[in-house]
Amino acid sequence: MNKNQVLPWDHPRFRTWIAVGRACQLMQLTLTRNMAHLEIKPPHLDILINLYRREGISQQELAHKLLVGRSNMSMLLPQLEKRGLVERRGDGKDKRVLRLFLTADGKVVTEKAMAIQTALIDTVMAGTDESSCLEMAGHMEKIVGILLAQDSPSG
């Protein structure tokens, strides 16, 4: 290894980045454990919450919004359909498009899962005042913007 090469842990922002990554991983693990009785996992919750907020979204729009490929959607949606939580309906104007909707059971499970997620967020953020939370959100949104711009074809 070159003596002039900077190692990741020598970088001043490395500790922050690792802390953010660990917090995300631990949040996912805790959320998974807390929602186990609902028989859904965080990727399912991401889908359910998005459908709760915007019913009738297409599979393609949902995949784009969640930053996942169509193959991921093709694996997760049938699981949710089989459980009777989600249904796909054809678009009245474009027969190639499938629109996604929550069933009545899907709404109930989503509301229970959102309550679990919100309680967990409240617990982990309880020691952080609102202005600090908003500042942290701003930093994370900026990072997301930078990464999306780098990932775009023109980036």
N, C-alpha and C. Protein backbone atom coordinates (compact mmCIF):
# COMPACT_ATOMS: atom_id res chain seq x y z
N MET A 1 0.85 -1.18 0.00
CA MET A 1 0.00 0.00 0.00
C MET A 1 0.89 1.24 0.00
N ASN A 2 0.57 2.20 -0.80
CA ASN A 2 1.31 3.45 -0.93
C ASN A 2 1.20 4.26 0.36
N LYS A 3 2.34 4.73 0.87
CA LYS A 3 2.33 5.49 2.12
C LYS A 3 1.59 6.82 1.99
N ASN A 4 1.47 7.34 0.77
CA ASN A 4 0.77 8.60 0.54
C ASN A 4 -0.74 8.43 0.36
N GLN A 5 -1.15 7.16 0.25
CA GLN A 5 -2.58 6.90 0.03
C GLN A 5 -3.35 7.15 1.34
N VAL A 6 -4.44 7.88 1.22
CA VAL A 6 -5.28 8.15 2.38
C VAL A 6 -6.19 6.96 2.60
N LEU A 7 -6.17 6.43 3.82
CA LEU A 7 -7.05 5.33 4.17
C LEU A 7 -8.41 5.88 4.57
N PRO A 8 -9.47 5.12 4.31
CA PRO A 8 -10.80 5.66 4.60
C PRO A 8 -10.95 6.18 6.03
N TRP A 9 -10.47 5.44 7.00
CA TRP A 9 -10.64 5.84 8.40
C TRP A 9 -9.79 7.04 8.79
N ASP A 10 -8.87 7.43 7.90
CA ASP A 10 -8.10 8.66 8.13
C ASP A 10 -8.83 9.89 7.60
N HIS A 11 -9.86 9.68 6.83
CA HIS A 11 -10.63 10.78 6.26
C HIS A 11 -11.51 11.39 7.35
N PRO A 12 -11.53 12.71 7.50
CA PRO A 12 -12.26 13.33 8.61
C PRO A 12 -13.77 13.07 8.61
N ARG A 13 -14.35 12.77 7.47
CA ARG A 13 -15.80 12.55 7.42
C ARG A 13 -16.20 11.08 7.48
N PHE A 14 -15.20 10.22 7.54
CA PHE A 14 -15.45 8.77 7.53
C PHE A 14 -16.30 8.35 8.73
N ARG A 15 -15.96 8.84 9.92
CA ARG A 15 -16.69 8.47 11.14
C ARG A 15 -18.17 8.83 11.02
N THR A 16 -18.46 10.00 10.46
CA THR A 16 -19.85 10.41 10.28
C THR A 16 -20.56 9.48 9.32
N TRP A 17 -19.90 9.17 8.21
CA TRP A 17 -20.52 8.32 7.20
C TRP A 17 -20.79 6.93 7.75
N ILE A 18 -19.85 6.37 8.49
CA ILE A 18 -20.04 5.05 9.10
C ILE A 18 -21.18 5.09 10.10
N ALA A 19 -21.26 6.16 10.89
CA ALA A 19 -22.34 6.28 11.88
C ALA A 19 -23.71 6.32 11.20
N VAL A 20 -23.81 7.05 10.09
CA VAL A 20 -25.08 7.12 9.35
C VAL A 20 -25.43 5.73 8.81
N GLY A 21 -24.47 5.05 8.22
CA GLY A 21 -24.71 3.71 7.69
C GLY A 21 -25.13 2.72 8.76
N ARG A 22 -24.45 2.76 9.89
CA ARG A 22 -24.80 1.85 11.01
C ARG A 22 -26.19 2.17 11.54
N ALA A 23 -26.50 3.45 11.67
CA ALA A 23 -27.83 3.84 12.16
C ALA A 23 -28.91 3.32 11.22
N CYS A 24 -28.68 3.44 9.92
CA CYS A 24 -29.66 2.94 8.94
C CYS A 24 -29.83 1.42 9.05
N GLN A 25 -28.72 0.71 9.16
CA GLN A 25 -28.79 -0.75 9.27
C GLN A 25 -29.51 -1.17 10.55
N LEU A 26 -29.16 -0.53 11.66
CA LEU A 26 -29.80 -0.89 12.93
C LEU A 26 -31.27 -0.52 12.94
N MET A 27 -31.62 0.58 12.31
CA MET A 27 -33.03 0.98 12.22
C MET A 27 -33.80 -0.07 11.43
N GLN A 28 -33.23 -0.54 10.32
CA GLN A 28 -33.90 -1.57 9.51
C GLN A 28 -34.07 -2.87 10.31
N LEU A 29 -33.02 -3.27 11.03
CA LEU A 29 -33.10 -4.50 11.83
C LEU A 29 -34.15 -4.38 12.92
N THR A 30 -34.18 -3.25 13.61
CA THR A 30 -35.15 -3.05 14.68
C THR A 30 -36.56 -2.98 14.13
N LEU A 31 -36.73 -2.27 13.03
CA LEU A 31 -38.05 -2.18 12.39
C LEU A 31 -38.52 -3.56 11.95
N THR A 32 -37.64 -4.34 11.38
CA THR A 32 -37.98 -5.70 10.95
C THR A 32 -38.46 -6.52 12.14
N ARG A 33 -37.73 -6.45 13.24
CA ARG A 33 -38.10 -7.19 14.45
C ARG A 33 -39.45 -6.70 15.01
N ASN A 34 -39.65 -5.39 15.04
CA ASN A 34 -40.87 -4.83 15.61
C ASN A 34 -42.11 -5.10 14.75
N MET A 35 -41.90 -5.32 13.45
CA MET A 35 -43.03 -5.58 12.55
C MET A 35 -43.22 -7.06 12.24
N ALA A 36 -42.42 -7.92 12.84
CA ALA A 36 -42.45 -9.34 12.52
C ALA A 36 -43.85 -9.93 12.66
N HIS A 37 -44.59 -9.51 13.67
CA HIS A 37 -45.94 -10.06 13.87
C HIS A 37 -46.91 -9.67 12.75
N LEU A 38 -46.57 -8.63 11.99
CA LEU A 38 -47.39 -8.24 10.85
C LEU A 38 -47.00 -9.00 9.58
N GLU A 39 -45.91 -9.75 9.68
CA GLU A 39 -45.37 -10.54 8.57
C GLU A 39 -45.03 -9.69 7.36
N ILE A 40 -44.46 -8.51 7.63
CA ILE A 40 -43.91 -7.68 6.55
C ILE A 40 -42.53 -7.21 6.96
N LYS A 41 -41.74 -6.88 5.97
CA LYS A 41 -40.38 -6.39 6.17
C LYS A 41 -40.29 -4.97 5.61
N PRO A 42 -39.20 -4.24 5.93
CA PRO A 42 -39.08 -2.87 5.45
C PRO A 42 -39.31 -2.67 3.95
N PRO A 43 -38.83 -3.54 3.06
CA PRO A 43 -39.14 -3.32 1.63
C PRO A 43 -40.65 -3.37 1.33
N HIS A 44 -41.36 -4.26 2.05
CA HIS A 44 -42.82 -4.31 1.90
C HIS A 44 -43.44 -3.02 2.42
N LEU A 45 -42.95 -2.55 3.56
CA LEU A 45 -43.48 -1.33 4.15
C LEU A 45 -43.27 -0.14 3.22
N ASP A 46 -42.12 -0.08 2.57
CA ASP A 46 -41.86 1.00 1.61
C ASP A 46 -42.95 1.03 0.53
N ILE A 47 -43.29 -0.13 0.03
CA ILE A 47 -44.33 -0.23 -1.00
C ILE A 47 -45.67 0.18 -0.43
N LEU A 48 -46.02 -0.39 0.71
CA LEU A 48 -47.33 -0.12 1.31
C LEU A 48 -47.52 1.36 1.64
N ILE A 49 -46.50 1.98 2.21
CA ILE A 49 -46.61 3.41 2.55
C ILE A 49 -46.79 4.25 1.29
N ASN A 50 -46.05 3.92 0.26
CA ASN A 50 -46.18 4.69 -0.99
C ASN A 50 -47.56 4.52 -1.61
N LEU A 51 -48.13 3.34 -1.51
CA LEU A 51 -49.48 3.13 -2.03
C LEU A 51 -50.52 3.80 -1.14
N TYR A 52 -50.25 3.85 0.14
CA TYR A 52 -51.15 4.54 1.08
C TYR A 52 -51.21 6.03 0.74
N ARG A 53 -50.05 6.59 0.41
CA ARG A 53 -49.97 8.01 0.07
C ARG A 53 -50.47 8.30 -1.33
N ARG A 54 -50.26 7.36 -2.25
CA ARG A 54 -50.57 7.63 -3.66
C ARG A 54 -51.11 6.38 -4.35
N GLU A 55 -52.33 6.04 -4.01
CA GLU A 55 -52.94 4.87 -4.64
C GLU A 55 -53.07 5.09 -6.14
N GLY A 56 -52.93 3.99 -6.87
CA GLY A 56 -53.07 4.06 -8.32
C GLY A 56 -51.76 4.33 -9.04
N ILE A 57 -50.67 4.41 -8.31
CA ILE A 57 -49.36 4.61 -8.93
C ILE A 57 -49.04 3.37 -9.77
N SER A 58 -48.30 3.54 -10.84
CA SER A 58 -47.93 2.39 -11.67
C SER A 58 -46.73 1.68 -11.04
N GLN A 59 -46.54 0.43 -11.44
CA GLN A 59 -45.39 -0.32 -10.95
C GLN A 59 -44.08 0.40 -11.29
N GLN A 60 -44.01 0.92 -12.50
CA GLN A 60 -42.80 1.60 -12.94
C GLN A 60 -42.55 2.86 -12.11
N GLU A 61 -43.59 3.65 -11.85
CA GLU A 61 -43.44 4.86 -11.03
C GLU A 61 -42.99 4.50 -9.62
N LEU A 62 -43.57 3.43 -9.08
CA LEU A 62 -43.21 3.00 -7.73
C LEU A 62 -41.76 2.54 -7.68
N ALA A 63 -41.33 1.75 -8.64
CA ALA A 63 -39.94 1.29 -8.69
C ALA A 63 -38.99 2.48 -8.76
N HIS A 64 -39.33 3.46 -9.59
CA HIS A 64 -38.50 4.66 -9.73
C HIS A 64 -38.44 5.43 -8.40
N LYS A 65 -39.57 5.58 -7.76
CA LYS A 65 -39.64 6.32 -6.50
C LYS A 65 -38.83 5.63 -5.41
N LEU A 66 -38.85 4.31 -5.38
CA LEU A 66 -38.13 3.56 -4.35
C LEU A 66 -36.68 3.25 -4.73
N LEU A 67 -36.26 3.71 -5.91
CA LEU A 67 -34.90 3.50 -6.39
C LEU A 67 -34.55 2.01 -6.50
N VAL A 68 -35.51 1.22 -6.97
CA VAL A 68 -35.27 -0.21 -7.16
C VAL A 68 -35.63 -0.59 -8.59
N GLY A 69 -35.14 -1.70 -9.01
CA GLY A 69 -35.41 -2.18 -10.36
C GLY A 69 -36.77 -2.85 -10.45
N ARG A 70 -37.22 -3.01 -11.67
CA ARG A 70 -38.50 -3.68 -11.89
C ARG A 70 -38.47 -5.12 -11.39
N SER A 71 -37.28 -5.74 -11.42
CA SER A 71 -37.18 -7.12 -10.93
C SER A 71 -37.48 -7.20 -9.44
N ASN A 72 -37.05 -6.20 -8.67
CA ASN A 72 -37.38 -6.16 -7.24
C ASN A 72 -38.89 -6.06 -7.04
N MET A 73 -39.53 -5.19 -7.83
CA MET A 73 -40.98 -5.03 -7.74
C MET A 73 -41.65 -6.35 -8.12
N SER A 74 -41.11 -7.02 -9.12
CA SER A 74 -41.69 -8.27 -9.59
C SER A 74 -41.60 -9.37 -8.54
N MET A 75 -40.67 -9.25 -7.60
CA MET A 75 -40.55 -10.23 -6.52
C MET A 75 -41.44 -9.85 -5.33
N LEU A 76 -41.48 -8.55 -5.00
CA LEU A 76 -42.19 -8.11 -3.79
C LEU A 76 -43.70 -8.01 -3.97
N LEU A 77 -44.14 -7.50 -5.09
CA LEU A 77 -45.58 -7.31 -5.30
C LEU A 77 -46.39 -8.60 -5.22
N PRO A 78 -45.94 -9.70 -5.84
CA PRO A 78 -46.72 -10.94 -5.72
C PRO A 78 -46.86 -11.42 -4.27
N GLN A 79 -45.84 -11.17 -3.45
CA GLN A 79 -45.92 -11.54 -2.03
C GLN A 79 -47.05 -10.77 -1.35
N LEU A 80 -47.12 -9.47 -1.65
CA LEU A 80 -48.15 -8.63 -1.05
C LEU A 80 -49.53 -8.95 -1.61
N GLU A 81 -49.59 -9.30 -2.89
CA GLU A 81 -50.86 -9.69 -3.50
C GLU A 81 -51.37 -11.00 -2.90
N LYS A 82 -50.46 -11.96 -2.74
CA LYS A 82 -50.82 -13.26 -2.19
C LYS A 82 -51.41 -13.13 -0.79
N ARG A 83 -50.91 -12.17 -0.04
CA ARG A 83 -51.41 -11.91 1.32
C ARG A 83 -52.70 -11.10 1.30
N GLY A 84 -53.11 -10.63 0.13
CA GLY A 84 -54.34 -9.85 0.03
C GLY A 84 -54.18 -8.42 0.50
N LEU A 85 -52.95 -7.88 0.42
CA LEU A 85 -52.69 -6.52 0.87
C LEU A 85 -52.69 -5.52 -0.28
N VAL A 86 -52.35 -6.00 -1.47
CA VAL A 86 -52.21 -5.14 -2.65
C VAL A 86 -52.91 -5.80 -3.82
N GLU A 87 -53.47 -4.97 -4.69
CA GLU A 87 -54.01 -5.51 -5.93
C GLU A 87 -53.55 -4.64 -7.10
N ARG A 88 -53.36 -5.31 -8.22
CA ARG A 88 -52.99 -4.62 -9.46
C ARG A 88 -54.21 -4.55 -10.35
N ARG A 89 -54.41 -3.38 -10.92
CA ARG A 89 -55.54 -3.18 -11.84
C ARG A 89 -55.00 -2.55 -13.12
N GLY A 90 -55.59 -2.93 -14.21
CA GLY A 90 -55.22 -2.34 -15.49
C GLY A 90 -55.60 -0.87 -15.55
N ASP A 91 -54.80 -0.12 -16.28
CA ASP A 91 -55.08 1.30 -16.50
C ASP A 91 -56.16 1.41 -17.57
N GLY A 92 -57.16 2.25 -17.33
CA GLY A 92 -58.26 2.41 -18.28
C GLY A 92 -57.83 2.96 -19.62
N LYS A 93 -56.76 3.75 -19.64
CA LYS A 93 -56.32 4.39 -20.88
C LYS A 93 -55.20 3.64 -21.59
N ASP A 94 -54.37 2.96 -20.82
CA ASP A 94 -53.21 2.28 -21.40
C ASP A 94 -53.16 0.85 -20.87
N LYS A 95 -53.49 -0.09 -21.71
CA LYS A 95 -53.59 -1.50 -21.30
C LYS A 95 -52.24 -2.09 -20.88
N ARG A 96 -51.14 -1.44 -21.23
CA ARG A 96 -49.82 -1.95 -20.85
C ARG A 96 -49.46 -1.61 -19.41
N VAL A 97 -50.18 -0.65 -18.82
CA VAL A 97 -49.85 -0.16 -17.49
C VAL A 97 -50.72 -0.83 -16.43
N LEU A 98 -50.07 -1.27 -15.35
CA LEU A 98 -50.80 -1.79 -14.20
C LEU A 98 -50.72 -0.78 -13.07
N ARG A 99 -51.85 -0.48 -12.47
CA ARG A 99 -51.93 0.45 -11.35
C ARG A 99 -52.04 -0.36 -10.06
N LEU A 100 -51.45 0.17 -9.00
CA LEU A 100 -51.38 -0.54 -7.72
C LEU A 100 -52.28 0.12 -6.68
N PHE A 101 -52.98 -0.72 -5.93
CA PHE A 101 -53.92 -0.25 -4.91
C PHE A 101 -53.80 -1.12 -3.66
N LEU A 102 -54.00 -0.50 -2.51
CA LEU A 102 -54.10 -1.26 -1.27
C LEU A 102 -55.51 -1.83 -1.16
N THR A 103 -55.60 -3.02 -0.62
CA THR A 103 -56.90 -3.59 -0.28
C THR A 103 -57.27 -3.04 1.10
N ALA A 104 -58.48 -3.36 1.56
CA ALA A 104 -58.89 -2.95 2.91
C ALA A 104 -57.93 -3.52 3.95
N ASP A 105 -57.56 -4.80 3.80
CA ASP A 105 -56.59 -5.41 4.72
C ASP A 105 -55.22 -4.72 4.60
N GLY A 106 -54.87 -4.36 3.38
CA GLY A 106 -53.60 -3.67 3.16
C GLY A 106 -53.54 -2.34 3.90
N LYS A 107 -54.65 -1.62 3.92
CA LYS A 107 -54.71 -0.34 4.64
C LYS A 107 -54.55 -0.56 6.13
N VAL A 108 -55.19 -1.59 6.66
CA VAL A 108 -55.10 -1.88 8.10
C VAL A 108 -53.65 -2.23 8.48
N VAL A 109 -53.04 -3.13 7.72
CA VAL A 109 -51.65 -3.53 8.01
C VAL A 109 -50.71 -2.34 7.87
N THR A 110 -50.92 -1.52 6.84
CA THR A 110 -50.07 -0.35 6.63
C THR A 110 -50.19 0.62 7.79
N GLU A 111 -51.39 0.87 8.26
CA GLU A 111 -51.57 1.79 9.39
C GLU A 111 -50.90 1.26 10.65
N LYS A 112 -50.99 -0.04 10.89
CA LYS A 112 -50.32 -0.64 12.05
C LYS A 112 -48.80 -0.51 11.91
N ALA A 113 -48.29 -0.80 10.73
CA ALA A 113 -46.84 -0.73 10.49
C ALA A 113 -46.33 0.71 10.59
N MET A 114 -47.12 1.66 10.07
CA MET A 114 -46.70 3.07 10.17
C MET A 114 -46.66 3.52 11.63
N ALA A 115 -47.58 3.03 12.45
CA ALA A 115 -47.57 3.37 13.88
C ALA A 115 -46.31 2.81 14.54
N ILE A 116 -45.91 1.61 14.16
CA ILE A 116 -44.69 1.00 14.70
C ILE A 116 -43.47 1.81 14.27
N GLN A 117 -43.42 2.16 12.99
CA GLN A 117 -42.28 2.92 12.47
C GLN A 117 -42.21 4.30 13.13
N THR A 118 -43.33 4.97 13.25
CA THR A 118 -43.36 6.30 13.85
C THR A 118 -42.93 6.25 15.31
N ALA A 119 -43.38 5.23 16.04
CA ALA A 119 -42.99 5.08 17.45
C ALA A 119 -41.48 4.85 17.56
N LEU A 120 -40.93 4.06 16.66
CA LEU A 120 -39.50 3.80 16.67
C LEU A 120 -38.72 5.08 16.37
N ILE A 121 -39.16 5.83 15.38
CA ILE A 121 -38.51 7.10 15.04
C ILE A 121 -38.58 8.05 16.24
N ASP A 122 -39.75 8.13 16.87
CA ASP A 122 -39.89 9.00 18.05
C ASP A 122 -38.92 8.57 19.16
N THR A 123 -38.77 7.28 19.36
CA THR A 123 -37.88 6.77 20.40
C THR A 123 -36.43 7.14 20.11
N VAL A 124 -35.97 6.89 18.89
CA VAL A 124 -34.56 7.13 18.59
C VAL A 124 -34.22 8.60 18.42
N MET A 125 -35.21 9.41 18.10
CA MET A 125 -34.96 10.85 17.90
C MET A 125 -35.40 11.70 19.11
N ALA A 126 -35.84 11.06 20.18
CA ALA A 126 -36.39 11.79 21.33
C ALA A 126 -35.40 12.80 21.92
N GLY A 127 -34.12 12.50 21.88
CA GLY A 127 -33.13 13.41 22.45
C GLY A 127 -32.66 14.49 21.50
N THR A 128 -33.26 14.58 20.33
CA THR A 128 -32.85 15.55 19.32
C THR A 128 -33.97 16.57 19.12
N ASP A 129 -33.63 17.85 19.27
CA ASP A 129 -34.67 18.87 19.11
C ASP A 129 -35.07 19.01 17.63
N GLU A 130 -36.21 19.63 17.42
CA GLU A 130 -36.78 19.70 16.07
C GLU A 130 -35.86 20.40 15.07
N SER A 131 -35.21 21.49 15.49
CA SER A 131 -34.34 22.20 14.54
C SER A 131 -33.14 21.33 14.14
N SER A 132 -32.62 20.55 15.08
CA SER A 132 -31.51 19.64 14.74
C SER A 132 -31.98 18.54 13.80
N CYS A 133 -33.20 18.05 14.03
CA CYS A 133 -33.77 17.03 13.14
C CYS A 133 -33.90 17.57 11.73
N LEU A 134 -34.41 18.79 11.61
CA LEU A 134 -34.58 19.39 10.29
C LEU A 134 -33.23 19.65 9.63
N GLU A 135 -32.25 20.05 10.41
CA GLU A 135 -30.90 20.26 9.87
C GLU A 135 -30.32 18.95 9.36
N MET A 136 -30.49 17.88 10.14
CA MET A 136 -30.01 16.56 9.74
C MET A 136 -30.71 16.12 8.45
N ALA A 137 -32.02 16.35 8.38
CA ALA A 137 -32.77 15.99 7.18
C ALA A 137 -32.24 16.75 5.97
N GLY A 138 -31.94 18.02 6.16
CA GLY A 138 -31.38 18.82 5.07
C GLY A 138 -30.07 18.25 4.56
N HIS A 139 -29.20 17.84 5.48
CA HIS A 139 -27.92 17.25 5.09
C HIS A 139 -28.14 15.95 4.30
N MET A 140 -29.03 15.11 4.80
CA MET A 140 -29.28 13.83 4.13
C MET A 140 -29.92 14.05 2.75
N GLU A 141 -30.84 15.01 2.65
CA GLU A 141 -31.46 15.31 1.35
C GLU A 141 -30.43 15.84 0.35
N LYS A 142 -29.48 16.60 0.84
CA LYS A 142 -28.41 17.10 -0.02
C LYS A 142 -27.56 15.93 -0.54
N ILE A 143 -27.25 15.00 0.34
CA ILE A 143 -26.48 13.81 -0.05
C ILE A 143 -27.24 13.01 -1.10
N VAL A 144 -28.53 12.83 -0.87
CA VAL A 144 -29.36 12.10 -1.84
C VAL A 144 -29.30 12.80 -3.20
N GLY A 145 -29.43 14.12 -3.20
CA GLY A 145 -29.38 14.87 -4.45
C GLY A 145 -28.05 14.70 -5.17
N ILE A 146 -26.96 14.75 -4.43
CA ILE A 146 -25.63 14.57 -5.02
C ILE A 146 -25.50 13.17 -5.64
N LEU A 147 -25.94 12.16 -4.89
CA LEU A 147 -25.83 10.79 -5.38
C LEU A 147 -26.73 10.54 -6.59
N LEU A 148 -27.94 11.09 -6.56
CA LEU A 148 -28.82 10.94 -7.72
C LEU A 148 -28.26 11.63 -8.95
N ALA A 149 -27.66 12.80 -8.75
CA ALA A 149 -27.07 13.53 -9.88
C ALA A 149 -25.90 12.75 -10.47
N GLN A 150 -25.11 12.10 -9.63
CA GLN A 150 -23.98 11.29 -10.12
C GLN A 150 -24.45 10.05 -10.85
N ASP A 151 -25.63 9.55 -10.45
CA ASP A 151 -26.15 8.33 -11.02
C ASP A 151 -26.92 8.58 -12.32
N SER A 152 -27.27 9.85 -12.58
CA SER A 152 -28.04 10.16 -13.79
C SER A 152 -27.15 10.05 -15.03
N PRO A 153 -27.75 9.78 -16.20
CA PRO A 153 -26.97 9.64 -17.43
C PRO A 153 -26.12 10.86 -17.76
N SER A 154 -26.58 12.06 -17.39
CA SER A 154 -25.81 13.26 -17.69
C SER A 154 -24.83 13.61 -16.59
N GLY A 155 -24.83 12.85 -15.43
CA GLY A 155 -24.00 13.16 -14.27
C GLY A 155 -22.65 12.65 -14.34
